[in-house]
PDB file of N, CA and C in Angstrom:
ATOM      1  N   MET A   1     -17.178   1.072  -7.436  1.00  0.00           N
ATOM      2  CA  MET A   1     -16.250   2.169  -7.258  1.00  0.00           C
ATOM      3  C   MET A   1     -16.921   3.454  -7.716  1.00  0.00           C
ATOM      4  N   SER A   2     -16.837   4.465  -6.924  1.00  0.00           N
ATOM      5  CA  SER A   2     -17.508   5.721  -7.226  1.00  0.00           C
ATOM      6  C   SER A   2     -16.493   6.743  -7.725  1.00  0.00           C
ATOM      7  N   GLN A   3     -16.170   6.694  -8.996  1.00  0.00           N
ATOM      8  CA  GLN A   3     -15.176   7.581  -9.572  1.00  0.00           C
ATOM      9  C   GLN A   3     -15.611   9.035  -9.513  1.00  0.00           C
ATOM     10  N   GLN A   4     -16.899   9.310  -9.663  1.00  0.00           N
ATOM     11  CA  GLN A   4     -17.365  10.690  -9.720  1.00  0.00           C
ATOM     12  C   GLN A   4     -17.253  11.382  -8.365  1.00  0.00           C
ATOM     13  N   SER A   5     -17.495  10.676  -7.279  1.00  0.00           N
ATOM     14  CA  SER A   5     -17.430  11.301  -5.972  1.00  0.00           C
ATOM     15  C   SER A   5     -16.009  11.297  -5.413  1.00  0.00           C
ATOM     16  N   ASN A   6     -15.101  10.527  -6.007  1.00  0.00           N
ATOM     17  CA  ASN A   6     -13.745  10.429  -5.515  1.00  0.00           C
ATOM     18  C   ASN A   6     -12.790  10.284  -6.700  1.00  0.00           C
ATOM     19  N   PRO A   7     -12.553  11.373  -7.438  1.00  0.00           N
ATOM     20  CA  PRO A   7     -11.779  11.291  -8.676  1.00  0.00           C
ATOM     21  C   PRO A   7     -10.259  11.310  -8.469  1.00  0.00           C
ATOM     22  N   GLN A   8      -9.767  10.544  -7.484  1.00  0.00           N
ATOM     23  CA  GLN A   8      -8.335  10.531  -7.229  1.00  0.00           C
ATOM     24  C   GLN A   8      -7.626   9.561  -8.160  1.00  0.00           C
ATOM     25  N   THR A   9      -6.422   9.916  -8.530  1.00  0.00           N
ATOM     26  CA  THR A   9      -5.588   9.002  -9.299  1.00  0.00           C
ATOM     27  C   THR A   9      -4.878   8.068  -8.338  1.00  0.00           C
ATOM     28  N   LEU A  10      -4.288   7.021  -8.898  1.00  0.00           N
ATOM     29  CA  LEU A  10      -3.524   6.085  -8.066  1.00  0.00           C
ATOM     30  C   LEU A  10      -2.388   6.828  -7.359  1.00  0.00           C
ATOM     31  N   ALA A  11      -1.739   7.731  -8.050  1.00  0.00           N
ATOM     32  CA  ALA A  11      -0.631   8.495  -7.447  1.00  0.00           C
ATOM     33  C   ALA A  11      -1.137   9.330  -6.264  1.00  0.00           C
ATOM     34  N   GLU A  12      -2.304   9.942  -6.409  1.00  0.00           N
ATOM     35  CA  GLU A  12      -2.871  10.734  -5.320  1.00  0.00           C
ATOM     36  C   GLU A  12      -3.260   9.858  -4.138  1.00  0.00           C
ATOM     37  N   LEU A  13      -3.822   8.694  -4.429  1.00  0.00           N
ATOM     38  CA  LEU A  13      -4.180   7.759  -3.349  1.00  0.00           C
ATOM     39  C   LEU A  13      -2.938   7.312  -2.595  1.00  0.00           C
ATOM     40  N   LEU A  14      -1.906   6.928  -3.334  1.00  0.00           N
ATOM     41  CA  LEU A  14      -0.667   6.508  -2.681  1.00  0.00           C
ATOM     42  C   LEU A  14      -0.050   7.637  -1.872  1.00  0.00           C
ATOM     43  N   ALA A  15      -0.073   8.831  -2.411  1.00  0.00           N
ATOM     44  CA  ALA A  15       0.507   9.989  -1.720  1.00  0.00           C
ATOM     45  C   ALA A  15      -0.251  10.293  -0.425  1.00  0.00           C
ATOM     46  N   SER A  16      -1.511   9.914  -0.356  1.00  0.00           N
ATOM     47  CA  SER A  16      -2.308  10.201   0.838  1.00  0.00           C
ATOM     48  C   SER A  16      -2.050   9.201   1.971  1.00  0.00           C
ATOM     49  N   LEU A  17      -1.353   8.118   1.660  1.00  0.00           N
ATOM     50  CA  LEU A  17      -1.077   7.097   2.701  1.00  0.00           C
ATOM     51  C   LEU A  17       0.072   7.523   3.590  1.00  0.00           C
ATOM     52  N   PRO A  18       0.096   6.985   4.806  1.00  0.00           N
ATOM     53  CA  PRO A  18       1.274   7.204   5.666  1.00  0.00           C
ATOM     54  C   PRO A  18       2.523   6.688   4.937  1.00  0.00           C
ATOM     55  N   GLU A  19       3.660   7.298   5.212  1.00  0.00           N
ATOM     56  CA  GLU A  19       4.894   6.992   4.492  1.00  0.00           C
ATOM     57  C   GLU A  19       5.229   5.504   4.477  1.00  0.00           C
ATOM     58  N   GLU A  20       5.132   4.852   5.620  1.00  0.00           N
ATOM     59  CA  GLU A  20       5.463   3.430   5.728  1.00  0.00           C
ATOM     60  C   GLU A  20       4.585   2.606   4.773  1.00  0.00           C
ATOM     61  N   GLU A  21       3.285   2.845   4.790  1.00  0.00           N
ATOM     62  CA  GLU A  21       2.373   2.105   3.906  1.00  0.00           C
ATOM     63  C   GLU A  21       2.681   2.417   2.448  1.00  0.00           C
ATOM     64  N   ARG A  22       2.907   3.677   2.150  1.00  0.00           N
ATOM     65  CA  ARG A  22       3.182   4.083   0.765  1.00  0.00           C
ATOM     66  C   ARG A  22       4.420   3.367   0.228  1.00  0.00           C
ATOM     67  N   ILE A  23       5.484   3.336   1.004  1.00  0.00           N
ATOM     68  CA  ILE A  23       6.716   2.686   0.550  1.00  0.00           C
ATOM     69  C   ILE A  23       6.492   1.190   0.336  1.00  0.00           C
ATOM     70  N   ILE A  24       5.903   0.546   1.326  1.00  0.00           N
ATOM     71  CA  ILE A  24       5.727  -0.914   1.255  1.00  0.00           C
ATOM     72  C   ILE A  24       4.747  -1.299   0.163  1.00  0.00           C
ATOM     73  N   LEU A  25       3.633  -0.598   0.029  1.00  0.00           N
ATOM     74  CA  LEU A  25       2.670  -0.930  -1.022  1.00  0.00           C
ATOM     75  C   LEU A  25       3.242  -0.665  -2.404  1.00  0.00           C
ATOM     76  N   THR A  26       4.034   0.388  -2.546  1.00  0.00           N
ATOM     77  CA  THR A  26       4.673   0.664  -3.826  1.00  0.00           C
ATOM     78  C   THR A  26       5.639  -0.436  -4.187  1.00  0.00           C
ATOM     79  N   LEU A  27       6.462  -0.864  -3.232  1.00  0.00           N
ATOM     80  CA  LEU A  27       7.401  -1.953  -3.497  1.00  0.00           C
ATOM     81  C   LEU A  27       6.664  -3.248  -3.829  1.00  0.00           C
ATOM     82  N   HIS A  28       5.589  -3.517  -3.108  1.00  0.00           N
ATOM     83  CA  HIS A  28       4.873  -4.779  -3.301  1.00  0.00           C
ATOM     84  C   HIS A  28       4.081  -4.816  -4.612  1.00  0.00           C
ATOM     85  N   TYR A  29       3.234  -3.810  -4.807  1.00  0.00           N
ATOM     86  CA  TYR A  29       2.323  -3.851  -5.955  1.00  0.00           C
ATOM     87  C   TYR A  29       2.904  -3.260  -7.236  1.00  0.00           C
ATOM     88  N   LEU A  30       3.691  -2.209  -7.138  1.00  0.00           N
ATOM     89  CA  LEU A  30       4.184  -1.574  -8.345  1.00  0.00           C
ATOM     90  C   LEU A  30       5.575  -2.078  -8.753  1.00  0.00           C
ATOM     91  N   ARG A  31       6.337  -2.570  -7.796  1.00  0.00           N
ATOM     92  CA  ARG A  31       7.675  -3.106  -8.084  1.00  0.00           C
ATOM     93  C   ARG A  31       7.722  -4.631  -7.998  1.00  0.00           C
ATOM     94  N   SER A  32       6.585  -5.229  -7.677  1.00  0.00           N
ATOM     95  CA  SER A  32       6.451  -6.697  -7.626  1.00  0.00           C
ATOM     96  C   SER A  32       7.427  -7.375  -6.672  1.00  0.00           C
ATOM     97  N   LYS A  33       7.695  -6.724  -5.554  1.00  0.00           N
ATOM     98  CA  LYS A  33       8.578  -7.313  -4.536  1.00  0.00           C
ATOM     99  C   LYS A  33       7.763  -8.164  -3.589  1.00  0.00           C
ATOM    100  N   SER A  34       8.333  -9.275  -3.161  1.00  0.00           N
ATOM    101  CA  SER A  34       7.671 -10.134  -2.181  1.00  0.00           C
ATOM    102  C   SER A  34       7.802  -9.513  -0.787  1.00  0.00           C
ATOM    103  N   SER A  35       6.990  -9.989   0.131  1.00  0.00           N
ATOM    104  CA  SER A  35       7.088  -9.487   1.498  1.00  0.00           C
ATOM    105  C   SER A  35       8.463  -9.786   2.076  1.00  0.00           C
ATOM    106  N   ARG A  36       9.048 -10.929   1.737  1.00  0.00           N
ATOM    107  CA  ARG A  36      10.396 -11.285   2.212  1.00  0.00           C
ATOM    108  C   ARG A  36      11.426 -10.319   1.657  1.00  0.00           C
ATOM    109  N   ASP A  37      11.341  -9.997   0.356  1.00  0.00           N
ATOM    110  CA  ASP A  37      12.274  -9.050  -0.256  1.00  0.00           C
ATOM    111  C   ASP A  37      12.180  -7.670   0.406  1.00  0.00           C
ATOM    112  N   ILE A  38      10.965  -7.218   0.646  1.00  0.00           N
ATOM    113  CA  ILE A  38      10.759  -5.916   1.278  1.00  0.00           C
ATOM    114  C   ILE A  38      11.309  -5.922   2.701  1.00  0.00           C
ATOM    115  N   ALA A  39      11.038  -6.987   3.425  1.00  0.00           N
ATOM    116  CA  ALA A  39      11.544  -7.086   4.795  1.00  0.00           C
ATOM    117  C   ALA A  39      13.065  -7.034   4.814  1.00  0.00           C
ATOM    118  N   ASP A  40      13.699  -7.745   3.910  1.00  0.00           N
ATOM    119  CA  ASP A  40      15.156  -7.728   3.815  1.00  0.00           C
ATOM    120  C   ASP A  40      15.668  -6.325   3.458  1.00  0.00           C
ATOM    121  N   LEU A  41      15.026  -5.694   2.486  1.00  0.00           N
ATOM    122  CA  LEU A  41      15.424  -4.361   2.047  1.00  0.00           C
ATOM    123  C   LEU A  41      15.320  -3.324   3.164  1.00  0.00           C
ATOM    124  N   LEU A  42      14.233  -3.418   3.944  1.00  0.00           N
ATOM    125  CA  LEU A  42      13.986  -2.434   5.004  1.00  0.00           C
ATOM    126  C   LEU A  42      14.519  -2.870   6.365  1.00  0.00           C
ATOM    127  N   ALA A  43      15.060  -4.062   6.432  1.00  0.00           N
ATOM    128  CA  ALA A  43      15.596  -4.621   7.690  1.00  0.00           C
ATOM    129  C   ALA A  43      14.545  -4.633   8.796  1.00  0.00           C
ATOM    130  N   VAL A  44      13.376  -5.179   8.441  1.00  0.00           N
ATOM    131  CA  VAL A  44      12.275  -5.336   9.402  1.00  0.00           C
ATOM    132  C   VAL A  44      11.761  -6.768   9.293  1.00  0.00           C
ATOM    133  N   PRO A  45      11.023  -7.223  10.302  1.00  0.00           N
ATOM    134  CA  PRO A  45      10.453  -8.589  10.207  1.00  0.00           C
ATOM    135  C   PRO A  45       9.450  -8.701   9.061  1.00  0.00           C
ATOM    136  N   GLU A  46       9.447  -9.859   8.417  1.00  0.00           N
ATOM    137  CA  GLU A  46       8.522 -10.084   7.302  1.00  0.00           C
ATOM    138  C   GLU A  46       7.074  -9.927   7.762  1.00  0.00           C
ATOM    139  N   ARG A  47       6.761 -10.388   8.975  1.00  0.00           N
ATOM    140  CA  ARG A  47       5.384 -10.277   9.460  1.00  0.00           C
ATOM    141  C   ARG A  47       4.944  -8.822   9.535  1.00  0.00           C
ATOM    142  N   ALA A  48       5.851  -7.915   9.879  1.00  0.00           N
ATOM    143  CA  ALA A  48       5.513  -6.493   9.927  1.00  0.00           C
ATOM    144  C   ALA A  48       5.149  -5.975   8.531  1.00  0.00           C
ATOM    145  N   VAL A  49       5.869  -6.436   7.520  1.00  0.00           N
ATOM    146  CA  VAL A  49       5.580  -6.039   6.145  1.00  0.00           C
ATOM    147  C   VAL A  49       4.211  -6.563   5.727  1.00  0.00           C
ATOM    148  N   ILE A  50       3.920  -7.815   6.067  1.00  0.00           N
ATOM    149  CA  ILE A  50       2.628  -8.417   5.722  1.00  0.00           C
ATOM    150  C   ILE A  50       1.481  -7.637   6.367  1.00  0.00           C
ATOM    151  N   VAL A  51       1.652  -7.255   7.622  1.00  0.00           N
ATOM    152  CA  VAL A  51       0.616  -6.491   8.330  1.00  0.00           C
ATOM    153  C   VAL A  51       0.397  -5.138   7.642  1.00  0.00           C
ATOM    154  N   VAL A  52       1.464  -4.473   7.255  1.00  0.00           N
ATOM    155  CA  VAL A  52       1.333  -3.175   6.588  1.00  0.00           C
ATOM    156  C   VAL A  52       0.663  -3.335   5.229  1.00  0.00           C
ATOM    157  N   ILE A  53       0.992  -4.386   4.487  1.00  0.00           N
ATOM    158  CA  ILE A  53       0.340  -4.623   3.195  1.00  0.00           C
ATOM    159  C   ILE A  53      -1.164  -4.829   3.399  1.00  0.00           C
ATOM    160  N   GLU A  54      -1.516  -5.637   4.385  1.00  0.00           N
ATOM    161  CA  GLU A  54      -2.929  -5.914   4.652  1.00  0.00           C
ATOM    162  C   GLU A  54      -3.671  -4.639   5.069  1.00  0.00           C
ATOM    163  N   SER A  55      -3.082  -3.872   5.974  1.00  0.00           N
ATOM    164  CA  SER A  55      -3.766  -2.661   6.445  1.00  0.00           C
ATOM    165  C   SER A  55      -3.832  -1.603   5.344  1.00  0.00           C
ATOM    166  N   GLY A  56      -2.774  -1.488   4.547  1.00  0.00           N
ATOM    167  CA  GLY A  56      -2.770  -0.532   3.450  1.00  0.00           C
ATOM    168  C   GLY A  56      -3.784  -0.887   2.390  1.00  0.00           C
ATOM    169  N   LYS A  57      -3.886  -2.170   2.091  1.00  0.00           N
ATOM    170  CA  LYS A  57      -4.887  -2.628   1.121  1.00  0.00           C
ATOM    171  C   LYS A  57      -6.291  -2.336   1.627  1.00  0.00           C
ATOM    172  N   ALA A  58      -6.531  -2.586   2.894  1.00  0.00           N
ATOM    173  CA  ALA A  58      -7.843  -2.301   3.488  1.00  0.00           C
ATOM    174  C   ALA A  58      -8.152  -0.796   3.435  1.00  0.00           C
ATOM    175  N   ARG A  59      -7.134   0.017   3.728  1.00  0.00           N
ATOM    176  CA  ARG A  59      -7.321   1.483   3.686  1.00  0.00           C
ATOM    177  C   ARG A  59      -7.688   1.939   2.282  1.00  0.00           C
ATOM    178  N   LEU A  60      -6.979   1.423   1.273  1.00  0.00           N
ATOM    179  CA  LEU A  60      -7.270   1.803  -0.120  1.00  0.00           C
ATOM    180  C   LEU A  60      -8.660   1.332  -0.545  1.00  0.00           C
ATOM    181  N   LYS A  61      -9.038   0.123  -0.141  1.00  0.00           N
ATOM    182  CA  LYS A  61     -10.384  -0.359  -0.466  1.00  0.00           C
ATOM    183  C   LYS A  61     -11.444   0.555   0.161  1.00  0.00           C
ATOM    184  N   GLY A  62     -11.186   1.000   1.370  1.00  0.00           N
ATOM    185  CA  GLY A  62     -12.137   1.902   2.023  1.00  0.00           C
ATOM    186  C   GLY A  62     -12.272   3.218   1.292  1.00  0.00           C
ATOM    187  N   VAL A  63     -11.159   3.762   0.851  1.00  0.00           N
ATOM    188  CA  VAL A  63     -11.175   5.031   0.113  1.00  0.00           C
ATOM    189  C   VAL A  63     -11.889   4.856  -1.222  1.00  0.00           C
ATOM    190  N   LEU A  64     -11.680   3.708  -1.852  1.00  0.00           N
ATOM    191  CA  LEU A  64     -12.286   3.453  -3.154  1.00  0.00           C
ATOM    192  C   LEU A  64     -13.729   2.956  -3.047  1.00  0.00           C
ATOM    193  N   GLY A  65     -14.159   2.664  -1.828  1.00  0.00           N
ATOM    194  CA  GLY A  65     -15.522   2.177  -1.638  1.00  0.00           C
ATOM    195  C   GLY A  65     -15.712   0.747  -2.092  1.00  0.00           C
ATOM    196  N   LEU A  66     -14.689  -0.072  -2.003  1.00  0.00           N
ATOM    197  CA  LEU A  66     -14.779  -1.460  -2.440  1.00  0.00           C
ATOM    198  C   LEU A  66     -15.085  -2.386  -1.281  1.00  0.00           C
TER     199      LEU A  66
END
């Protein structure tokens, strides 16, 4: 991880994500909600939540250089 070339905080990284990813990743990782719980809360298919979690995680890894 290259902290010196990319000194963003977690809050800044989350804020930079598209709204849908930001909401779902926040619920999943910071609020410890399961994909089923998030799907129920947002009234969307669980598979859609799983896809957003996977793509959001990949986006964050790319930004962090992991």
